[in-house]
Amino acid sequence: YGNWWFDASHLLIVGMIWATWEDKITEFLQKHYIVITS
């Protein structure tokens, strides 16, 4: 199959992880926003 079939499929799992620990992830991103964004 072409690599486009799986290039981004792992983002399904990233979405699951984000939903499971959303509060902790959001708090961490807000606390270190400038550093992480950069």
PDB file of all heavy atoms in Angstrom:
ATOM      1  N   TYR A   1       0.850  -1.182   0.000  1.00  0.00           N
ATOM      2  CA  TYR A   1       0.000   0.000   0.000  1.00  0.00           C
ATOM      3  C   TYR A   1       0.893   1.241   0.000  1.00  0.00           C
ATOM      4  O   TYR A   1       2.030   1.201   0.438  1.00  0.00           O
ATOM      5  CB  TYR A   1      -0.877   0.035   1.252  1.00  0.00           C
ATOM      6  CG  TYR A   1      -2.060  -0.905   1.238  1.00  0.00           C
ATOM      7  CD1 TYR A   1      -2.166  -1.937   0.307  1.00  0.00           C
ATOM      8  CD2 TYR A   1      -3.079  -0.781   2.179  1.00  0.00           C
ATOM      9  CE1 TYR A   1      -3.246  -2.797   0.306  1.00  0.00           C
ATOM     10  CE2 TYR A   1      -4.166  -1.642   2.193  1.00  0.00           C
ATOM     11  CZ  TYR A   1      -4.239  -2.652   1.252  1.00  0.00           C
ATOM     12  OH  TYR A   1      -5.307  -3.501   1.257  1.00  0.00           O
ATOM     13  N   GLY A   2       0.364   2.358  -0.448  1.00  0.00           N
ATOM     14  CA  GLY A   2       1.103   3.607  -0.371  1.00  0.00           C
ATOM     15  C   GLY A   2       1.313   4.010   1.085  1.00  0.00           C
ATOM     16  O   GLY A   2       0.488   3.685   1.950  1.00  0.00           O
ATOM     17  N   ASN A   3       2.407   4.727   1.355  1.00  0.00           N
ATOM     18  CA  ASN A   3       2.706   5.072   2.743  1.00  0.00           C
ATOM     19  C   ASN A   3       1.678   6.025   3.352  1.00  0.00           C
ATOM     20  O   ASN A   3       1.613   6.178   4.573  1.00  0.00           O
ATOM     21  CB  ASN A   3       4.117   5.667   2.870  1.00  0.00           C
ATOM     22  CG  ASN A   3       4.296   6.925   2.035  1.00  0.00           C
ATOM     23  OD1 ASN A   3       3.388   7.336   1.300  1.00  0.00           O
ATOM     24  ND2 ASN A   3       5.454   7.542   2.138  1.00  0.00           N
ATOM     25  N   TRP A   4       0.843   6.661   2.524  1.00  0.00           N
ATOM     26  CA  TRP A   4      -0.192   7.548   3.064  1.00  0.00           C
ATOM     27  C   TRP A   4      -1.241   6.773   3.863  1.00  0.00           C
ATOM     28  O   TRP A   4      -1.971   7.361   4.656  1.00  0.00           O
ATOM     29  CB  TRP A   4      -0.863   8.333   1.930  1.00  0.00           C
ATOM     30  CG  TRP A   4      -1.417   7.480   0.836  1.00  0.00           C
ATOM     31  CD1 TRP A   4      -2.650   6.887   0.783  1.00  0.00           C
ATOM     32  CD2 TRP A   4      -0.756   7.101  -0.385  1.00  0.00           C
ATOM     33  NE1 TRP A   4      -2.804   6.173  -0.383  1.00  0.00           N
ATOM     34  CE2 TRP A   4      -1.652   6.290  -1.124  1.00  0.00           C
ATOM     35  CE3 TRP A   4       0.502   7.379  -0.920  1.00  0.00           C
ATOM     36  CZ2 TRP A   4      -1.325   5.744  -2.367  1.00  0.00           C
ATOM     37  CZ3 TRP A   4       0.830   6.834  -2.165  1.00  0.00           C
ATOM     38  CH2 TRP A   4      -0.079   6.037  -2.871  1.00  0.00           C
ATOM     39  N   TRP A   5      -1.286   5.442   3.685  1.00  0.00           N
ATOM     40  CA  TRP A   5      -2.234   4.623   4.431  1.00  0.00           C
ATOM     41  C   TRP A   5      -1.911   4.596   5.928  1.00  0.00           C
ATOM     42  O   TRP A   5      -2.795   4.304   6.740  1.00  0.00           O
ATOM     43  CB  TRP A   5      -2.251   3.196   3.894  1.00  0.00           C
ATOM     44  CG  TRP A   5      -3.040   3.007   2.636  1.00  0.00           C
ATOM     45  CD1 TRP A   5      -2.632   3.258   1.363  1.00  0.00           C
ATOM     46  CD2 TRP A   5      -4.378   2.511   2.526  1.00  0.00           C
ATOM     47  NE1 TRP A   5      -3.621   2.957   0.460  1.00  0.00           N
ATOM     48  CE2 TRP A   5      -4.704   2.491   1.146  1.00  0.00           C
ATOM     49  CE3 TRP A   5      -5.328   2.074   3.447  1.00  0.00           C
ATOM     50  CZ2 TRP A   5      -5.946   2.069   0.674  1.00  0.00           C
ATOM     51  CZ3 TRP A   5      -6.566   1.644   2.979  1.00  0.00           C
ATOM     52  CH2 TRP A   5      -6.862   1.647   1.608  1.00  0.00           C
ATOM     53  N   PHE A   6      -0.673   4.861   6.289  1.00  0.00           N
ATOM     54  CA  PHE A   6      -0.297   4.751   7.704  1.00  0.00           C
ATOM     55  C   PHE A   6       0.535   5.922   8.214  1.00  0.00           C
ATOM     56  O   PHE A   6       0.901   5.964   9.390  1.00  0.00           O
ATOM     57  CB  PHE A   6       0.487   3.450   7.933  1.00  0.00           C
ATOM     58  CG  PHE A   6       1.711   3.304   7.079  1.00  0.00           C
ATOM     59  CD1 PHE A   6       2.905   3.873   7.461  1.00  0.00           C
ATOM     60  CD2 PHE A   6       1.650   2.600   5.884  1.00  0.00           C
ATOM     61  CE1 PHE A   6       4.038   3.740   6.667  1.00  0.00           C
ATOM     62  CE2 PHE A   6       2.781   2.470   5.081  1.00  0.00           C
ATOM     63  CZ  PHE A   6       3.982   3.041   5.474  1.00  0.00           C
ATOM     64  N   ASP A   7       0.841   6.893   7.370  1.00  0.00           N
ATOM     65  CA  ASP A   7       1.667   8.032   7.797  1.00  0.00           C
ATOM     66  C   ASP A   7       1.108   8.751   9.011  1.00  0.00           C
ATOM     67  O   ASP A   7       1.864   9.273   9.835  1.00  0.00           O
ATOM     68  CB  ASP A   7       1.814   9.043   6.646  1.00  0.00           C
ATOM     69  CG  ASP A   7       2.882   8.617   5.656  1.00  0.00           C
ATOM     70  OD1 ASP A   7       3.707   7.768   6.019  1.00  0.00           O
ATOM     71  OD2 ASP A   7       2.871   9.124   4.517  1.00  0.00           O
ATOM     72  N   ALA A   8      -0.217   8.818   9.108  1.00  0.00           N
ATOM     73  CA  ALA A   8      -0.837   9.597  10.194  1.00  0.00           C
ATOM     74  C   ALA A   8      -1.799   8.770  11.042  1.00  0.00           C
ATOM     75  O   ALA A   8      -2.443   9.322  11.933  1.00  0.00           O
ATOM     76  CB  ALA A   8      -1.569  10.802   9.608  1.00  0.00           C
ATOM     77  N   SER A   9      -1.886   7.467  10.801  1.00  0.00           N
ATOM     78  CA  SER A   9      -2.857   6.646  11.525  1.00  0.00           C
ATOM     79  C   SER A   9      -2.566   6.593  13.025  1.00  0.00           C
ATOM     80  O   SER A   9      -3.475   6.386  13.838  1.00  0.00           O
ATOM     81  CB  SER A   9      -2.885   5.221  10.957  1.00  0.00           C
ATOM     82  OG  SER A   9      -1.615   4.597  11.070  1.00  0.00           O
ATOM     83  N   HIS A  10      -1.293   6.779  13.412  1.00  0.00           N
ATOM     84  CA  HIS A  10      -0.950   6.752  14.837  1.00  0.00           C
ATOM     85  C   HIS A  10      -1.550   7.930  15.597  1.00  0.00           C
ATOM     86  O   HIS A  10      -1.604   7.908  16.836  1.00  0.00           O
ATOM     87  CB  HIS A  10       0.578   6.761  15.002  1.00  0.00           C
ATOM     88  CG  HIS A  10       1.233   8.007  14.516  1.00  0.00           C
ATOM     89  ND1 HIS A  10       1.346   8.311  13.176  1.00  0.00           N
ATOM     90  CD2 HIS A  10       1.799   9.050  15.188  1.00  0.00           C
ATOM     91  CE1 HIS A  10       1.962   9.472  13.039  1.00  0.00           C
ATOM     92  NE2 HIS A  10       2.241   9.942  14.236  1.00  0.00           N
ATOM     93  N   LEU A  11      -2.020   8.952  14.878  1.00  0.00           N
ATOM     94  CA  LEU A  11      -2.649  10.088  15.565  1.00  0.00           C
ATOM     95  C   LEU A  11      -3.968   9.682  16.205  1.00  0.00           C
ATOM     96  O   LEU A  11      -4.464  10.386  17.105  1.00  0.00           O
ATOM     97  CB  LEU A  11      -2.845  11.245  14.592  1.00  0.00           C
ATOM     98  CG  LEU A  11      -1.701  12.279  14.507  1.00  0.00           C
ATOM     99  CD1 LEU A  11      -1.395  12.876  15.882  1.00  0.00           C
ATOM    100  CD2 LEU A  11      -0.455  11.704  13.898  1.00  0.00           C
ATOM    101  N   LEU A  12      -4.561   8.572  15.773  1.00  0.00           N
ATOM    102  CA  LEU A  12      -5.721   8.030  16.474  1.00  0.00           C
ATOM    103  C   LEU A  12      -5.348   7.711  17.915  1.00  0.00           C
ATOM    104  O   LEU A  12      -6.099   8.014  18.855  1.00  0.00           O
ATOM    105  CB  LEU A  12      -6.210   6.759  15.771  1.00  0.00           C
ATOM    106  CG  LEU A  12      -6.946   6.932  14.439  1.00  0.00           C
ATOM    107  CD1 LEU A  12      -6.962   5.620  13.661  1.00  0.00           C
ATOM    108  CD2 LEU A  12      -8.376   7.406  14.692  1.00  0.00           C
ATOM    109  N   ILE A  13      -4.172   7.120  18.089  1.00  0.00           N
ATOM    110  CA  ILE A  13      -3.701   6.746  19.427  1.00  0.00           C
ATOM    111  C   ILE A  13      -3.333   7.999  20.222  1.00  0.00           C
ATOM    112  O   ILE A  13      -3.623   8.092  21.415  1.00  0.00           O
ATOM    113  CB  ILE A  13      -2.491   5.804  19.317  1.00  0.00           C
ATOM    114  CG1 ILE A  13      -2.872   4.572  18.490  1.00  0.00           C
ATOM    115  CG2 ILE A  13      -2.004   5.383  20.698  1.00  0.00           C
ATOM    116  CD1 ILE A  13      -1.700   3.743  18.036  1.00  0.00           C
ATOM    117  N   VAL A  14      -2.700   8.959  19.560  1.00  0.00           N
ATOM    118  CA  VAL A  14      -2.370  10.225  20.227  1.00  0.00           C
ATOM    119  C   VAL A  14      -3.653  10.887  20.738  1.00  0.00           C
ATOM    120  O   VAL A  14      -3.688  11.418  21.854  1.00  0.00           O
ATOM    121  CB  VAL A  14      -1.619  11.170  19.275  1.00  0.00           C
ATOM    122  CG1 VAL A  14      -1.402  12.535  19.923  1.00  0.00           C
ATOM    123  CG2 VAL A  14      -0.274  10.566  18.871  1.00  0.00           C
ATOM    124  N   GLY A  15      -4.715  10.837  19.922  1.00  0.00           N
ATOM    125  CA  GLY A  15      -5.999  11.387  20.349  1.00  0.00           C
ATOM    126  C   GLY A  15      -6.549  10.662  21.567  1.00  0.00           C
ATOM    127  O   GLY A  15      -7.080  11.289  22.492  1.00  0.00           O
ATOM    128  N   MET A  16      -6.413   9.320  21.597  1.00  0.00           N
ATOM    129  CA  MET A  16      -6.858   8.542  22.757  1.00  0.00           C
ATOM    130  C   MET A  16      -6.068   8.922  24.006  1.00  0.00           C
ATOM    131  O   MET A  16      -6.634   9.075  25.094  1.00  0.00           O
ATOM    132  CB  MET A  16      -6.696   7.045  22.461  1.00  0.00           C
ATOM    133  CG  MET A  16      -7.627   6.497  21.398  1.00  0.00           C
ATOM    134  SD  MET A  16      -7.275   4.746  21.023  1.00  0.00           S
ATOM    135  CE  MET A  16      -7.613   3.976  22.626  1.00  0.00           C
ATOM    136  N   ILE A  17      -4.758   9.066  23.848  1.00  0.00           N
ATOM    137  CA  ILE A  17      -3.896   9.443  24.981  1.00  0.00           C
ATOM    138  C   ILE A  17      -4.287  10.820  25.508  1.00  0.00           C
ATOM    139  O   ILE A  17      -4.401  11.043  26.714  1.00  0.00           O
ATOM    140  CB  ILE A  17      -2.416   9.422  24.558  1.00  0.00           C
ATOM    141  CG1 ILE A  17      -1.973   7.989  24.235  1.00  0.00           C
ATOM    142  CG2 ILE A  17      -1.531  10.031  25.647  1.00  0.00           C
ATOM    143  CD1 ILE A  17      -0.594   7.890  23.614  1.00  0.00           C
ATOM    144  N   TRP A  18      -4.519  11.751  24.576  1.00  0.00           N
ATOM    145  CA  TRP A  18      -4.867  13.122  24.958  1.00  0.00           C
ATOM    146  C   TRP A  18      -6.186  13.143  25.727  1.00  0.00           C
ATOM    147  O   TRP A  18      -6.329  13.865  26.722  1.00  0.00           O
ATOM    148  CB  TRP A  18      -4.954  14.001  23.719  1.00  0.00           C
ATOM    149  CG  TRP A  18      -4.656  15.442  23.974  1.00  0.00           C
ATOM    150  CD1 TRP A  18      -5.383  16.314  24.730  1.00  0.00           C
ATOM    151  CD2 TRP A  18      -3.539  16.197  23.483  1.00  0.00           C
ATOM    152  NE1 TRP A  18      -4.798  17.565  24.741  1.00  0.00           N
ATOM    153  CE2 TRP A  18      -3.661  17.525  23.973  1.00  0.00           C
ATOM    154  CE3 TRP A  18      -2.462  15.897  22.662  1.00  0.00           C
ATOM    155  CZ2 TRP A  18      -2.748  18.529  23.676  1.00  0.00           C
ATOM    156  CZ3 TRP A  18      -1.553  16.892  22.363  1.00  0.00           C
ATOM    157  CH2 TRP A  18      -1.682  18.191  22.863  1.00  0.00           C
ATOM    158  N   ALA A  19      -7.157  12.366  25.261  1.00  0.00           N
ATOM    159  CA  ALA A  19      -8.460  12.333  25.932  1.00  0.00           C
ATOM    160  C   ALA A  19      -8.357  11.706  27.322  1.00  0.00           C
ATOM    161  O   ALA A  19      -9.040  12.135  28.257  1.00  0.00           O
ATOM    162  CB  ALA A  19      -9.454  11.551  25.081  1.00  0.00           C
ATOM    163  N   THR A  20      -7.496  10.713  27.477  1.00  0.00           N
ATOM    164  CA  THR A  20      -7.356  10.010  28.749  1.00  0.00           C
ATOM    165  C   THR A  20      -6.713  10.882  29.816  1.00  0.00           C
ATOM    166  O   THR A  20      -7.122  10.871  30.980  1.00  0.00           O
ATOM    167  CB  THR A  20      -6.521   8.724  28.558  1.00  0.00           C
ATOM    168  OG1 THR A  20      -7.128   7.908  27.538  1.00  0.00           O
ATOM    169  CG2 THR A  20      -6.452   7.927  29.851  1.00  0.00           C
ATOM    170  N   TRP A  21      -5.691  11.639  29.442  1.00  0.00           N
ATOM    171  CA  TRP A  21      -4.985  12.494  30.404  1.00  0.00           C
ATOM    172  C   TRP A  21      -5.064  13.961  29.985  1.00  0.00           C
ATOM    173  O   TRP A  21      -4.099  14.707  30.096  1.00  0.00           O
ATOM    174  CB  TRP A  21      -3.534  12.047  30.520  1.00  0.00           C
ATOM    175  CG  TRP A  21      -3.400  10.683  31.123  1.00  0.00           C
ATOM    176  CD1 TRP A  21      -3.572  10.347  32.429  1.00  0.00           C
ATOM    177  CD2 TRP A  21      -3.085   9.459  30.435  1.00  0.00           C
ATOM    178  NE1 TRP A  21      -3.376   8.996  32.611  1.00  0.00           N
ATOM    179  CE2 TRP A  21      -3.076   8.422  31.407  1.00  0.00           C
ATOM    180  CE3 TRP A  21      -2.803   9.141  29.101  1.00  0.00           C
ATOM    181  CZ2 TRP A  21      -2.794   7.100  31.069  1.00  0.00           C
ATOM    182  CZ3 TRP A  21      -2.528   7.822  28.773  1.00  0.00           C
ATOM    183  CH2 TRP A  21      -2.535   6.814  29.750  1.00  0.00           C
ATOM    184  N   GLU A  22      -6.236  14.370  29.518  1.00  0.00           N
ATOM    185  CA  GLU A  22      -6.404  15.713  28.969  1.00  0.00           C
ATOM    186  C   GLU A  22      -6.051  16.811  29.965  1.00  0.00           C
ATOM    187  O   GLU A  22      -5.333  17.765  29.630  1.00  0.00           O
ATOM    188  CB  GLU A  22      -7.841  15.907  28.484  1.00  0.00           C
ATOM    189  CG  GLU A  22      -8.092  17.279  27.881  1.00  0.00           C
ATOM    190  CD  GLU A  22      -9.500  17.439  27.356  1.00  0.00           C
ATOM    191  OE1 GLU A  22     -10.243  16.429  27.304  1.00  0.00           O
ATOM    192  OE2 GLU A  22      -9.871  18.569  26.997  1.00  0.00           O
ATOM    193  N   ASP A  23      -6.528  16.696  31.194  1.00  0.00           N
ATOM    194  CA  ASP A  23      -6.285  17.741  32.186  1.00  0.00           C
ATOM    195  C   ASP A  23      -4.796  17.905  32.472  1.00  0.00           C
ATOM    196  O   ASP A  23      -4.283  19.026  32.543  1.00  0.00           O
ATOM    197  CB  ASP A  23      -7.041  17.435  33.482  1.00  0.00           C
ATOM    198  CG  ASP A  23      -8.548  17.553  33.311  1.00  0.00           C
ATOM    199  OD1 ASP A  23      -8.980  18.228  32.354  1.00  0.00           O
ATOM    200  OD2 ASP A  23      -9.283  16.962  34.115  1.00  0.00           O
ATOM    201  N   LYS A  24      -4.106  16.786  32.637  1.00  0.00           N
ATOM    202  CA  LYS A  24      -2.673  16.836  32.940  1.00  0.00           C
ATOM    203  C   LYS A  24      -1.881  17.365  31.751  1.00  0.00           C
ATOM    204  O   LYS A  24      -0.938  18.156  31.914  1.00  0.00           O
ATOM    205  CB  LYS A  24      -2.176  15.449  33.332  1.00  0.00           C
ATOM    206  CG  LYS A  24      -2.716  14.961  34.665  1.00  0.00           C
ATOM    207  CD  LYS A  24      -2.146  13.601  35.027  1.00  0.00           C
ATOM    208  CE  LYS A  24      -2.672  13.132  36.385  1.00  0.00           C
ATOM    209  NZ  LYS A  24      -2.134  11.801  36.760  1.00  0.00           N
ATOM    210  N   ILE A  25      -2.245  16.923  30.549  1.00  0.00           N
ATOM    211  CA  ILE A  25      -1.549  17.387  29.339  1.00  0.00           C
ATOM    212  C   ILE A  25      -1.763  18.882  29.148  1.00  0.00           C
ATOM    213  O   ILE A  25      -0.821  19.636  28.880  1.00  0.00           O
ATOM    214  CB  ILE A  25      -2.033  16.602  28.105  1.00  0.00           C
ATOM    215  CG1 ILE A  25      -1.591  15.148  28.196  1.00  0.00           C
ATOM    216  CG2 ILE A  25      -1.506  17.246  26.821  1.00  0.00           C
ATOM    217  CD1 ILE A  25      -2.163  14.258  27.109  1.00  0.00           C
ATOM    218  N   THR A  26      -3.020  19.315  29.289  1.00  0.00           N
ATOM    219  CA  THR A  26      -3.342  20.741  29.112  1.00  0.00           C
ATOM    220  C   THR A  26      -2.625  21.600  30.153  1.00  0.00           C
ATOM    221  O   THR A  26      -2.074  22.656  29.828  1.00  0.00           O
ATOM    222  CB  THR A  26      -4.859  20.962  29.218  1.00  0.00           C
ATOM    223  OG1 THR A  26      -5.528  20.164  28.226  1.00  0.00           O
ATOM    224  CG2 THR A  26      -5.206  22.428  28.996  1.00  0.00           C
ATOM    225  N   GLU A  27      -2.628  21.143  31.389  1.00  0.00           N
ATOM    226  CA  GLU A  27      -1.944  21.887  32.459  1.00  0.00           C
ATOM    227  C   GLU A  27      -0.448  21.999  32.177  1.00  0.00           C
ATOM    228  O   GLU A  27       0.155  23.063  32.364  1.00  0.00           O
ATOM    229  CB  GLU A  27      -2.167  21.189  33.798  1.00  0.00           C
ATOM    230  CG  GLU A  27      -1.534  21.901  34.980  1.00  0.00           C
ATOM    231  CD  GLU A  27      -1.730  21.160  36.294  1.00  0.00           C
ATOM    232  OE1 GLU A  27      -2.453  20.133  36.297  1.00  0.00           O
ATOM    233  OE2 GLU A  27      -1.158  21.591  37.313  1.00  0.00           O
ATOM    234  N   PHE A  28       0.146  20.913  31.702  1.00  0.00           N
ATOM    235  CA  PHE A  28       1.583  20.919  31.388  1.00  0.00           C
ATOM    236  C   PHE A  28       1.891  21.876  30.236  1.00  0.00           C
ATOM    237  O   PHE A  28       2.864  22.630  30.279  1.00  0.00           O
ATOM    238  CB  PHE A  28       2.031  19.496  31.035  1.00  0.00           C
ATOM    239  CG  PHE A  28       3.492  19.386  30.710  1.00  0.00           C
ATOM    240  CD1 PHE A  28       4.447  19.392  31.712  1.00  0.00           C
ATOM    241  CD2 PHE A  28       3.905  19.291  29.386  1.00  0.00           C
ATOM    242  CE1 PHE A  28       5.800  19.285  31.417  1.00  0.00           C
ATOM    243  CE2 PHE A  28       5.254  19.188  29.079  1.00  0.00           C
ATOM    244  CZ  PHE A  28       6.206  19.192  30.096  1.00  0.00           C
ATOM    245  N   LEU A  29       1.059  21.846  29.205  1.00  0.00           N
ATOM    246  CA  LEU A  29       1.269  22.726  28.053  1.00  0.00           C
ATOM    247  C   LEU A  29       1.120  24.193  28.449  1.00  0.00           C
ATOM    248  O   LEU A  29       1.880  25.055  27.990  1.00  0.00           O
ATOM    249  CB  LEU A  29       0.280  22.380  26.941  1.00  0.00           C
ATOM    250  CG  LEU A  29       0.445  21.009  26.265  1.00  0.00           C
ATOM    251  CD1 LEU A  29      -0.633  20.819  25.203  1.00  0.00           C
ATOM    252  CD2 LEU A  29       1.824  20.866  25.653  1.00  0.00           C
ATOM    253  N   GLN A  30       0.138  24.482  29.283  1.00  0.00           N
ATOM    254  CA  GLN A  30      -0.066  25.858  29.727  1.00  0.00           C
ATOM    255  C   GLN A  30       1.089  26.348  30.598  1.00  0.00           C
ATOM    256  O   GLN A  30       1.522  27.498  30.490  1.00  0.00           O
ATOM    257  CB  GLN A  30      -1.384  25.963  30.502  1.00  0.00           C
ATOM    258  CG  GLN A  30      -2.619  25.780  29.632  1.00  0.00           C
ATOM    259  CD  GLN A  30      -3.898  25.781  30.445  1.00  0.00           C
ATOM    260  OE1 GLN A  30      -3.868  25.701  31.673  1.00  0.00           O
ATOM    261  NE2 GLN A  30      -5.040  25.865  29.784  1.00  0.00           N
ATOM    262  N   LYS A  31       1.607  25.478  31.439  1.00  0.00           N
ATOM    263  CA  LYS A  31       2.680  25.845  32.356  1.00  0.00           C
ATOM    264  C   LYS A  31       3.985  26.142  31.623  1.00  0.00           C
ATOM    265  O   LYS A  31       4.750  27.022  32.017  1.00  0.00           O
ATOM    266  CB  LYS A  31       2.887  24.720  33.370  1.00  0.00           C
ATOM    267  CG  LYS A  31       3.866  25.062  34.479  1.00  0.00           C
ATOM    268  CD  LYS A  31       3.946  23.925  35.489  1.00  0.00           C
ATOM    269  CE  LYS A  31       4.908  24.268  36.622  1.00  0.00           C
ATOM    270  NZ  LYS A  31       4.991  23.161  37.635  1.00  0.00           N
ATOM    271  N   HIS A  32       4.213  25.396  30.529  1.00  0.00           N
ATOM    272  CA  HIS A  32       5.474  25.564  29.783  1.00  0.00           C
ATOM    273  C   HIS A  32       5.180  25.969  28.338  1.00  0.00           C
ATOM    274  O   HIS A  32       5.852  25.515  27.420  1.00  0.00           O
ATOM    275  CB  HIS A  32       6.267  24.259  29.812  1.00  0.00           C
ATOM    276  CG  HIS A  32       6.489  23.698  31.181  1.00  0.00           C
ATOM    277  ND1 HIS A  32       7.421  24.214  32.064  1.00  0.00           N
ATOM    278  CD2 HIS A  32       5.872  22.683  31.837  1.00  0.00           C
ATOM    279  CE1 HIS A  32       7.390  23.526  33.198  1.00  0.00           C
ATOM    280  NE2 HIS A  32       6.459  22.592  33.091  1.00  0.00           N
ATOM    281  N   TYR A  33       4.185  26.826  28.167  1.00  0.00           N
ATOM    282  CA  TYR A  33       3.672  27.103  26.825  1.00  0.00           C
ATOM    283  C   TYR A  33       4.736  27.646  25.877  1.00  0.00           C
ATOM    284  O   TYR A  33       4.899  27.129  24.765  1.00  0.00           O
ATOM    285  CB  TYR A  33       2.504  28.094  26.904  1.00  0.00           C
ATOM    286  CG  TYR A  33       1.853  28.328  25.559  1.00  0.00           C
ATOM    287  CD1 TYR A  33       0.917  27.429  25.071  1.00  0.00           C
ATOM    288  CD2 TYR A  33       2.184  29.430  24.777  1.00  0.00           C
ATOM    289  CE1 TYR A  33       0.317  27.617  23.832  1.00  0.00           C
ATOM    290  CE2 TYR A  33       1.596  29.632  23.545  1.00  0.00           C
ATOM    291  CZ  TYR A  33       0.668  28.712  23.073  1.00  0.00           C
ATOM    292  OH  TYR A  33       0.101  28.902  21.843  1.00  0.00           O
ATOM    293  N   ILE A  34       5.451  28.667  26.277  1.00  0.00           N
ATOM    294  CA  ILE A  34       6.418  29.315  25.380  1.00  0.00           C
ATOM    295  C   ILE A  34       7.528  28.347  24.991  1.00  0.00           C
ATOM    296  O   ILE A  34       7.902  28.247  23.816  1.00  0.00           O
ATOM    297  CB  ILE A  34       7.008  30.574  26.039  1.00  0.00           C
ATOM    298  CG1 ILE A  34       5.911  31.622  26.250  1.00  0.00           C
ATOM    299  CG2 ILE A  34       8.137  31.153  25.191  1.00  0.00           C
ATOM    300  CD1 ILE A  34       6.390  32.878  26.950  1.00  0.00           C
ATOM    301  N   VAL A  35       8.050  27.609  25.972  1.00  0.00           N
ATOM    302  CA  VAL A  35       9.146  26.669  25.702  1.00  0.00           C
ATOM    303  C   VAL A  35       8.687  25.557  24.767  1.00  0.00           C
ATOM    304  O   VAL A  35       9.351  25.249  23.763  1.00  0.00           O
ATOM    305  CB  VAL A  35       9.680  26.063  27.018  1.00  0.00           C
ATOM    306  CG1 VAL A  35      10.723  24.980  26.713  1.00  0.00           C
ATOM    307  CG2 VAL A  35      10.275  27.141  27.888  1.00  0.00           C
ATOM    308  N   ILE A  36       7.535  24.956  25.072  1.00  0.00           N
ATOM    309  CA  ILE A  36       7.041  23.832  24.260  1.00  0.00           C
ATOM    310  C   ILE A  36       6.698  24.294  22.849  1.00  0.00           C
ATOM    311  O   ILE A  36       7.030  23.611  21.869  1.00  0.00           O
ATOM    312  CB  ILE A  36       5.809  23.186  24.930  1.00  0.00           C
ATOM    313  CG1 ILE A  36       6.208  22.545  26.255  1.00  0.00           C
ATOM    314  CG2 ILE A  36       5.188  22.129  24.008  1.00  0.00           C
ATOM    315  CD1 ILE A  36       5.033  22.010  27.053  1.00  0.00           C
ATOM    316  N   THR A  37       6.059  25.443  22.726  1.00  0.00           N
ATOM    317  CA  THR A  37       5.697  25.966  21.410  1.00  0.00           C
ATOM    318  C   THR A  37       6.942  26.246  20.578  1.00  0.00           C
ATOM    319  O   THR A  37       6.989  25.919  19.376  1.00  0.00           O
ATOM    320  CB  THR A  37       4.854  27.243  21.535  1.00  0.00           C
ATOM    321  OG1 THR A  37       3.693  26.979  22.312  1.00  0.00           O
ATOM    322  CG2 THR A  37       4.427  27.750  20.164  1.00  0.00           C
ATOM    323  N   SER A  38       7.955  26.812  21.201  1.00  0.00           N
ATOM    324  CA  SER A  38       9.199  27.127  20.490  1.00  0.00           C
ATOM    325  C   SER A  38       9.903  25.861  20.025  1.00  0.00           C
ATOM    326  O   SER A  38      10.304  25.743  18.863  1.00  0.00           O
ATOM    327  CB  SER A  38      10.136  27.942  21.395  1.00  0.00           C
ATOM    328  OG  SER A  38       9.526  29.140  21.803  1.00  0.00           O
TER     329      SER A  38
END
